[in-house]
Amino acid sequence: MLTAQIVASNSFGSSECRWLPRTVRLGTIANPSENHWVALTVDGEKGMVGYGDGFGKKVPDILRQHVDWWLFEHLGVTFKWKNLPTTKQTDAHSCGLIAYFALLWNGSINGR
């Protein structure tokens, strides 16, 4: 069986299983409604989750609940949420590109 290792005193988790540094920044594209892509970021240093939707909609409750649960279950910390700036979507097919560029513009991914 694999176990987590202590990597630093400034890591998330218990003193026995610290495995994710607090300075971590993650960015991903989520599909909360099965037909629309949005940007999702996690900033461990600021304790913030970002949500960006090209249509300007708020984060769906079910997605927020799942992300909050996962972060607390694995990191033991409650994160705050913020709106992630995105380009306004004016069609029915460019949501994936808009989500990708929202991550790129907000520094959550490296475009190289």
Protein backbone atom coordinates (compact mmCIF):
# COMPACT_ATOMS: atom_id res chain seq x y z
CA MET A 1 0.00 0.00 0.00
CA LEU A 2 1.25 3.49 -0.85
CA THR A 3 1.20 6.22 1.77
CA ALA A 4 1.64 9.97 1.58
CA GLN A 5 4.89 11.43 2.76
CA ILE A 6 5.63 14.63 4.64
CA VAL A 7 7.10 17.04 2.10
CA ALA A 8 7.17 20.30 4.04
CA SER A 9 5.77 21.89 7.16
CA ASN A 10 3.86 24.37 5.00
CA SER A 11 1.84 21.63 3.29
CA PHE A 12 -1.84 20.78 3.52
CA GLY A 13 -3.06 17.75 5.39
CA SER A 14 -2.35 16.23 8.77
CA SER A 15 1.12 16.13 10.28
CA GLU A 16 1.29 12.48 9.20
CA CYS A 17 0.17 12.90 5.59
CA ARG A 18 1.19 16.26 4.19
CA TRP A 19 1.46 15.84 0.46
CA LEU A 20 0.30 19.01 -1.29
CA PRO A 21 2.20 22.28 -0.81
CA ARG A 22 0.14 25.32 0.14
CA THR A 23 1.63 27.24 -2.78
CA VAL A 24 0.05 24.93 -5.36
CA ARG A 25 -1.97 26.47 -8.20
CA LEU A 26 -4.15 24.18 -10.25
CA GLY A 27 -6.23 24.93 -13.32
CA THR A 28 -8.66 22.67 -15.12
CA ILE A 29 -11.64 22.73 -17.42
CA ALA A 30 -14.86 21.29 -16.02
CA ASN A 31 -18.08 20.18 -17.67
CA PRO A 32 -20.76 20.65 -15.00
CA SER A 33 -23.80 20.41 -17.27
CA GLU A 34 -22.62 17.78 -19.78
CA ASN A 35 -22.79 20.31 -22.64
CA HIS A 36 -20.84 23.37 -21.46
CA TRP A 37 -17.20 23.81 -20.45
CA VAL A 38 -16.01 26.20 -17.72
CA ALA A 39 -12.69 27.15 -16.12
CA LEU A 40 -11.91 26.04 -12.57
CA THR A 41 -8.83 27.06 -10.57
CA VAL A 42 -7.50 26.25 -7.11
CA ASP A 43 -5.02 28.60 -5.45
CA GLY A 44 -3.64 26.91 -2.33
CA GLU A 45 -1.70 29.94 -1.16
CA LYS A 46 -4.76 32.21 -1.18
CA GLY A 47 -7.23 29.47 -0.23
CA MET A 48 -9.34 30.38 -3.24
CA VAL A 49 -11.28 28.50 -5.91
CA GLY A 50 -11.99 30.39 -9.14
CA TYR A 51 -14.92 29.66 -11.45
CA GLY A 52 -15.19 31.16 -14.92
CA ASP A 53 -18.17 30.72 -17.23
CA GLY A 54 -18.29 32.38 -20.66
CA PHE A 55 -22.05 32.85 -20.24
CA GLY A 56 -21.46 34.59 -16.89
CA LYS A 57 -23.45 32.03 -14.91
CA LYS A 58 -22.74 31.32 -11.25
CA VAL A 59 -21.10 28.06 -10.22
CA PRO A 60 -23.71 25.28 -10.04
CA ASP A 61 -24.41 24.22 -6.45
CA ILE A 62 -23.61 20.57 -7.16
CA LEU A 63 -20.17 21.41 -8.61
CA ARG A 64 -19.41 23.71 -5.69
CA GLN A 65 -20.43 21.01 -3.20
CA HIS A 66 -18.25 18.39 -4.89
CA VAL A 67 -15.19 20.64 -5.13
CA ASP A 68 -15.62 21.85 -1.52
CA TRP A 69 -15.97 18.26 -0.33
CA TRP A 70 -12.89 17.09 -2.25
CA LEU A 71 -10.71 19.97 -1.06
CA PHE A 72 -11.74 19.52 2.57
CA GLU A 73 -11.48 15.72 2.42
CA HIS A 74 -7.97 15.78 0.94
CA LEU A 75 -6.55 19.01 2.33
CA GLY A 76 -8.55 19.61 5.50
CA VAL A 77 -9.12 23.25 4.55
CA THR A 78 -12.20 25.23 3.51
CA PHE A 79 -11.62 27.41 0.44
CA LYS A 80 -13.42 30.61 -0.59
CA TRP A 81 -14.83 31.06 -4.10
CA LYS A 82 -14.41 33.90 -6.59
CA ASN A 83 -15.48 34.68 -10.12
CA LEU A 84 -12.76 34.04 -12.68
CA PRO A 85 -12.70 36.64 -15.47
CA THR A 86 -13.56 35.19 -18.87
CA THR A 87 -14.38 36.41 -22.33
CA LYS A 88 -18.11 36.69 -22.94
CA GLN A 89 -19.44 33.75 -24.94
CA THR A 90 -21.79 34.74 -27.77
CA ASP A 91 -22.30 31.38 -29.48
CA ALA A 92 -23.08 27.77 -28.60
CA HIS A 93 -19.73 26.15 -29.37
CA SER A 94 -16.69 28.11 -28.14
CA CYS A 95 -16.99 27.42 -24.40
CA GLY A 96 -13.98 25.07 -24.33
CA LEU A 97 -11.67 27.65 -25.89
CA ILE A 98 -13.01 30.39 -23.64
CA ALA A 99 -12.39 28.22 -20.57
CA TYR A 100 -8.86 27.39 -21.75
CA PHE A 101 -7.99 31.03 -22.37
CA ALA A 102 -9.45 32.02 -18.98
CA LEU A 103 -6.94 29.65 -17.37
CA LEU A 104 -4.13 30.99 -19.54
CA TRP A 105 -4.95 34.65 -18.87
CA ASN A 106 -5.27 34.10 -15.14
CA GLY A 107 -1.88 32.42 -14.90
CA SER A 108 -3.24 29.01 -13.92
CA ILE A 109 -1.56 27.22 -16.82
CA ASN A 110 1.55 27.78 -18.86
CA GLY A 111 0.74 28.18 -22.54
CA ARG A 112 4.08 26.93 -23.82
